[in-house]
Amino acid sequence: MTAEERERLGYLCERIQVEQAPQTFDELVMELNELLEQNQQRINRAQANSSREN
């Protein structure tokens, strides 16, 4: 995860904790999920590449 992504992750978590508007809360959670999914995909690709090299 890049420094920018970690910063965005922290920001989203902070906002989600205090958000009162249901629609905004849902949007923040969706953005957080997208960020986490992108990171998981990078991890999976790196692991697949690593296993191919061995």
Protein backbone atom coordinates (compact mmCIF):
# COMPACT_ATOMS: atom_id res chain seq x y z
CA MET A 1 0.00 0.00 0.00
CA THR A 2 1.40 3.38 -0.93
CA ALA A 3 1.77 6.22 1.55
CA GLU A 4 -1.11 8.02 -0.15
CA GLU A 5 -3.31 4.94 0.11
CA ARG A 6 -2.48 4.51 3.80
CA GLU A 7 -3.33 8.17 4.38
CA ARG A 8 -6.64 7.77 2.54
CA LEU A 9 -7.36 4.59 4.51
CA GLY A 10 -6.88 6.45 7.79
CA TYR A 11 -9.02 9.34 6.62
CA LEU A 12 -11.84 7.05 5.52
CA CYS A 13 -11.78 5.12 8.80
CA GLU A 14 -11.95 8.33 10.81
CA ARG A 15 -14.84 9.65 8.74
CA ILE A 16 -16.75 6.37 8.89
CA GLN A 17 -16.52 6.36 12.70
CA VAL A 18 -18.31 9.70 13.03
CA GLU A 19 -20.49 9.92 9.93
CA GLN A 20 -24.19 10.34 10.72
CA ALA A 21 -25.69 10.61 7.23
CA PRO A 22 -26.54 7.12 5.97
CA GLN A 23 -25.83 7.88 2.30
CA THR A 24 -22.47 9.48 3.03
CA PHE A 25 -21.60 6.61 5.36
CA ASP A 26 -22.39 4.11 2.59
CA GLU A 27 -20.28 6.05 0.09
CA LEU A 28 -17.32 6.15 2.48
CA VAL A 29 -17.61 2.41 3.18
CA MET A 30 -17.76 1.66 -0.55
CA GLU A 31 -14.63 3.74 -1.14
CA LEU A 32 -12.88 1.96 1.72
CA ASN A 33 -13.87 -1.41 0.28
CA GLU A 34 -12.51 -0.41 -3.14
CA LEU A 35 -9.22 0.68 -1.62
CA LEU A 36 -8.89 -2.58 0.32
CA GLU A 37 -9.84 -4.65 -2.73
CA GLN A 38 -7.19 -2.91 -4.86
CA ASN A 39 -4.61 -3.64 -2.21
CA GLN A 40 -5.68 -7.30 -1.98
CA GLN A 41 -5.43 -7.66 -5.75
CA ARG A 42 -1.87 -6.29 -5.67
CA ILE A 43 -0.96 -8.75 -2.91
CA ASN A 44 -2.48 -11.64 -4.87
CA ARG A 45 -0.57 -10.67 -8.02
CA ALA A 46 2.69 -10.39 -6.09
CA GLN A 47 2.14 -13.79 -4.50
CA ALA A 48 1.30 -15.35 -7.86
CA ASN A 49 4.43 -13.85 -9.41
CA SER A 50 6.52 -15.04 -6.50
CA SER A 51 5.21 -18.59 -6.73
CA ARG A 52 5.94 -18.68 -10.47
CA GLU A 53 9.54 -17.67 -9.83
CA ASN A 54 10.09 -20.53 -7.36
